[in-house]
Amino acid sequence: MTDDKTINAYTTRVAEYLQIPLPPEQIEARLAFTEAVGSGHILDLGSGPGSDSAFFMREGMTVRALDATPAFVEHARENGVDAHLGTFDDVTEVDAYDGIYASFSLLHAPRTDFSRHLAAIHRAMKPEGIFFLGLKLGTGEHRDDLDRYYTYFSQTEIEAALEQTGFTIDRITTGMGTGLAGSYDGFILVLAHA
């Protein structure tokens, strides 16, 4: 994700972002990802300010965090996270991770790039590696009230894209929640393996 308006929206709202509570469904899904991966090496892709990365580190995982917002990367590093500035296109490793956690990050990528990013994620994972994907449900591409770029998918589209990439879906949870912009949106949380 290299959309300047989206990055600027996050840059000016780091403190606000840190105050957003996770919905119960996401807490449960994060725990399921943690249990499935164990003490392995993971990539927190679109890591934000590193809250999930810090959680995974406390759970005994080795974490590499990647985000396109410099202010998020700086905050994560200040809190002991191995955070790096980069985009989805910087996922170039092969068989490197036991798990990849993409929590509401890939929704900022254009629809035309979604399959390519999923393929890179699949290549970067070890065989049987665990993938967590959180997205907002809906249709189309547009900007929210904070001028962040979003791509929305249906559950059917997400399932098809994952299966075409070679992932096996283990669990799907859907729900509703309020994010940084204050809108109440449907979401999907997917746990899959390579």
Protein backbone atom coordinates (compact mmCIF):
# COMPACT_ATOMS: atom_id res chain seq x y z
CA MET A 1 0.00 0.00 0.00
CA THR A 2 1.59 3.25 -1.11
CA ASP A 3 -1.42 5.54 -1.16
CA ASP A 4 -0.20 8.84 0.32
CA LYS A 5 -3.63 9.92 1.57
CA THR A 6 -4.06 6.67 3.48
CA ILE A 7 -0.57 6.90 4.98
CA ASN A 8 -1.18 10.54 5.99
CA ALA A 9 -4.48 9.62 7.64
CA TYR A 10 -2.67 7.09 9.82
CA THR A 11 0.35 9.32 10.44
CA THR A 12 -1.79 11.98 12.12
CA ARG A 13 -3.83 9.48 14.17
CA VAL A 14 -1.37 7.07 15.82
CA ALA A 15 -2.67 7.77 19.34
CA GLU A 16 -6.30 7.43 18.23
CA TYR A 17 -5.54 4.19 16.42
CA LEU A 18 -4.01 2.70 19.56
CA GLN A 19 -7.25 3.37 21.46
CA ILE A 20 -9.50 1.30 19.16
CA PRO A 21 -10.61 -1.82 21.02
CA LEU A 22 -10.49 -5.12 19.18
CA PRO A 23 -13.90 -6.74 18.69
CA PRO A 24 -14.30 -10.06 20.55
CA GLU A 25 -14.25 -11.97 17.26
CA GLN A 26 -10.84 -10.55 16.42
CA ILE A 27 -9.43 -11.32 19.86
CA GLU A 28 -10.59 -14.92 19.45
CA ALA A 29 -9.18 -15.15 15.91
CA ARG A 30 -5.83 -13.72 17.03
CA LEU A 31 -5.66 -16.37 19.75
CA ALA A 32 -6.51 -19.10 17.23
CA PHE A 33 -3.69 -17.87 14.97
CA THR A 34 -1.31 -17.85 17.96
CA GLU A 35 -2.22 -21.40 18.93
CA ALA A 36 -1.92 -22.66 15.35
CA VAL A 37 1.53 -21.12 14.82
CA GLY A 38 2.99 -21.88 18.23
CA SER A 39 6.43 -20.40 18.84
CA GLY A 40 7.29 -19.92 15.18
CA HIS A 41 8.56 -17.05 13.05
CA ILE A 42 5.82 -14.77 11.72
CA LEU A 43 5.33 -11.70 9.56
CA ASP A 44 2.87 -9.10 10.81
CA LEU A 45 1.97 -7.63 7.42
CA GLY A 46 0.56 -4.12 7.67
CA SER A 47 1.43 -4.16 11.34
CA GLY A 48 0.24 -0.67 12.22
CA PRO A 49 1.83 0.61 15.43
CA GLY A 50 2.80 -2.94 16.45
CA SER A 51 0.15 -3.86 19.01
CA ASP A 52 -0.45 -7.32 17.54
CA SER A 53 3.30 -7.81 17.04
CA ALA A 54 3.92 -7.06 20.72
CA PHE A 55 1.19 -9.55 21.67
CA PHE A 56 2.76 -12.26 19.51
CA MET A 57 6.20 -11.55 20.98
CA ARG A 58 4.78 -11.98 24.50
CA GLU A 59 3.40 -15.33 23.32
CA GLY A 60 6.91 -16.48 22.37
CA MET A 61 6.89 -15.89 18.62
CA THR A 62 9.69 -14.32 16.60
CA VAL A 63 8.06 -11.40 14.80
CA ARG A 64 9.00 -9.29 11.81
CA ALA A 65 6.62 -6.37 11.33
CA LEU A 66 6.12 -4.52 8.04
CA ASP A 67 4.10 -1.33 7.51
CA ALA A 68 4.04 1.53 5.00
CA THR A 69 3.37 4.28 7.57
CA PRO A 70 6.64 5.66 9.03
CA ALA A 71 4.92 6.87 12.23
CA PHE A 72 3.58 3.35 12.87
CA VAL A 73 6.99 1.78 12.28
CA GLU A 74 8.63 4.30 14.62
CA HIS A 75 6.09 3.63 17.37
CA ALA A 76 6.51 -0.14 17.01
CA ARG A 77 10.31 0.11 17.17
CA GLU A 78 10.11 2.30 20.28
CA ASN A 79 8.19 -0.55 21.88
CA GLY A 80 10.70 -3.26 21.03
CA VAL A 81 9.15 -4.60 17.81
CA ASP A 82 11.36 -5.59 14.87
CA ALA A 83 9.45 -3.23 12.57
CA HIS A 84 10.37 -2.28 9.03
CA LEU A 85 9.08 0.31 6.59
CA GLY A 86 7.72 -1.36 3.49
CA THR A 87 4.76 -2.26 1.34
CA PHE A 88 3.05 -5.48 0.30
CA ASP A 89 5.44 -5.60 -2.65
CA ASP A 90 8.31 -6.07 -0.19
CA VAL A 91 7.11 -9.57 0.68
CA THR A 92 9.69 -11.37 -1.45
CA GLU A 93 10.83 -14.19 0.84
CA VAL A 94 10.36 -17.88 0.00
CA ASP A 95 9.48 -20.49 2.67
CA ALA A 96 10.43 -18.03 5.42
CA TYR A 97 7.48 -17.80 7.81
CA ASP A 98 5.49 -20.20 9.96
CA GLY A 99 2.67 -17.68 9.84
CA ILE A 100 1.62 -14.39 8.25
CA TYR A 101 -0.85 -12.11 9.98
CA ALA A 102 -2.58 -9.55 7.72
CA SER A 103 -5.13 -7.85 9.93
CA PHE A 104 -7.12 -5.25 7.99
CA SER A 105 -4.11 -4.26 5.91
CA LEU A 106 -4.64 -5.81 2.47
CA LEU A 107 -7.93 -3.90 2.20
CA HIS A 108 -5.80 -0.86 1.35
CA ALA A 109 -4.41 -2.53 -1.79
CA PRO A 110 -6.12 -2.07 -5.16
CA ARG A 111 -8.37 -4.97 -6.18
CA THR A 112 -6.18 -5.61 -9.25
CA ASP A 113 -3.21 -6.36 -6.94
CA PHE A 114 -5.01 -8.63 -4.44
CA SER A 115 -4.25 -11.98 -6.15
CA ARG A 116 -0.62 -11.00 -6.72
CA HIS A 117 -0.18 -10.12 -3.03
CA LEU A 118 -1.83 -13.37 -1.93
CA ALA A 119 0.57 -15.31 -4.20
CA ALA A 120 3.59 -13.54 -2.66
CA ILE A 121 2.26 -14.31 0.84
CA HIS A 122 1.79 -17.97 -0.08
CA ARG A 123 5.37 -18.18 -1.42
CA ALA A 124 6.75 -16.53 1.72
CA MET A 125 5.18 -19.14 3.98
CA LYS A 126 6.64 -22.49 4.93
CA PRO A 127 4.59 -25.55 3.93
CA GLU A 128 1.51 -25.75 6.17
CA GLY A 129 2.17 -22.18 7.36
CA ILE A 130 -0.77 -20.34 8.93
CA PHE A 131 -2.33 -17.26 7.31
CA PHE A 132 -4.68 -14.84 9.03
CA LEU A 133 -6.60 -12.38 6.87
CA GLY A 134 -8.92 -9.68 8.17
CA LEU A 135 -10.90 -7.57 5.68
CA LYS A 136 -14.01 -5.42 5.56
CA LEU A 137 -16.93 -6.92 3.68
CA GLY A 138 -18.63 -5.03 0.88
CA THR A 139 -18.32 -4.10 -2.77
CA GLY A 140 -16.23 -1.70 -4.79
CA GLU A 141 -13.32 0.57 -3.96
CA HIS A 142 -13.61 3.98 -2.34
CA ARG A 143 -12.24 6.34 0.30
CA ASP A 144 -13.65 6.57 3.80
CA ASP A 145 -14.33 9.77 5.78
CA LEU A 146 -10.62 9.96 6.71
CA ASP A 147 -9.62 9.76 3.01
CA ARG A 148 -8.20 6.24 3.37
CA TYR A 149 -8.39 4.03 0.27
CA TYR A 150 -10.36 0.79 0.71
CA THR A 151 -11.11 -2.24 -1.42
CA TYR A 152 -14.09 -4.29 -0.33
CA PHE A 153 -14.74 -7.96 -1.09
CA SER A 154 -17.58 -10.41 -0.59
CA GLN A 155 -16.98 -13.58 1.39
CA THR A 156 -17.35 -15.59 -1.82
CA GLU A 157 -14.65 -13.52 -3.56
CA ILE A 158 -12.27 -13.93 -0.62
CA GLU A 159 -12.79 -17.68 -0.41
CA ALA A 160 -12.23 -18.08 -4.17
CA ALA A 161 -9.08 -15.93 -4.17
CA LEU A 162 -7.54 -17.86 -1.27
CA GLU A 163 -8.36 -21.25 -2.76
CA GLN A 164 -7.02 -20.23 -6.20
CA THR A 165 -3.77 -19.18 -4.53
CA GLY A 166 -3.36 -22.57 -2.88
CA PHE A 167 -4.60 -21.85 0.64
CA THR A 168 -6.89 -24.20 2.52
CA ILE A 169 -9.43 -22.31 4.61
CA ASP A 170 -9.69 -23.60 8.18
CA ARG A 171 -12.05 -21.11 9.77
CA ILE A 172 -14.14 -18.06 8.85
CA THR A 173 -15.69 -15.62 11.28
CA THR A 174 -17.79 -12.60 10.36
CA GLY A 175 -18.96 -9.71 12.48
CA MET A 176 -19.58 -5.98 12.74
CA GLY A 177 -17.34 -3.36 14.30
CA THR A 178 -16.35 0.28 14.49
CA GLY A 179 -12.95 1.40 13.24
CA LEU A 180 -10.89 4.58 13.23
CA ALA A 181 -13.35 6.50 11.06
CA GLY A 182 -16.24 5.64 13.38
CA SER A 183 -18.26 3.77 10.75
CA TYR A 184 -19.93 0.49 11.69
CA ASP A 185 -18.81 -2.06 9.11
CA GLY A 186 -19.09 -5.76 8.42
CA PHE A 187 -15.83 -7.70 8.52
CA ILE A 188 -14.45 -11.15 7.83
CA LEU A 189 -11.63 -12.96 9.63
CA VAL A 190 -10.11 -15.97 7.86
CA LEU A 191 -7.67 -18.52 9.21
CA ALA A 192 -6.08 -20.65 6.49
CA HIS A 193 -2.97 -22.69 5.85
CA ALA A 194 -0.58 -22.98 2.92
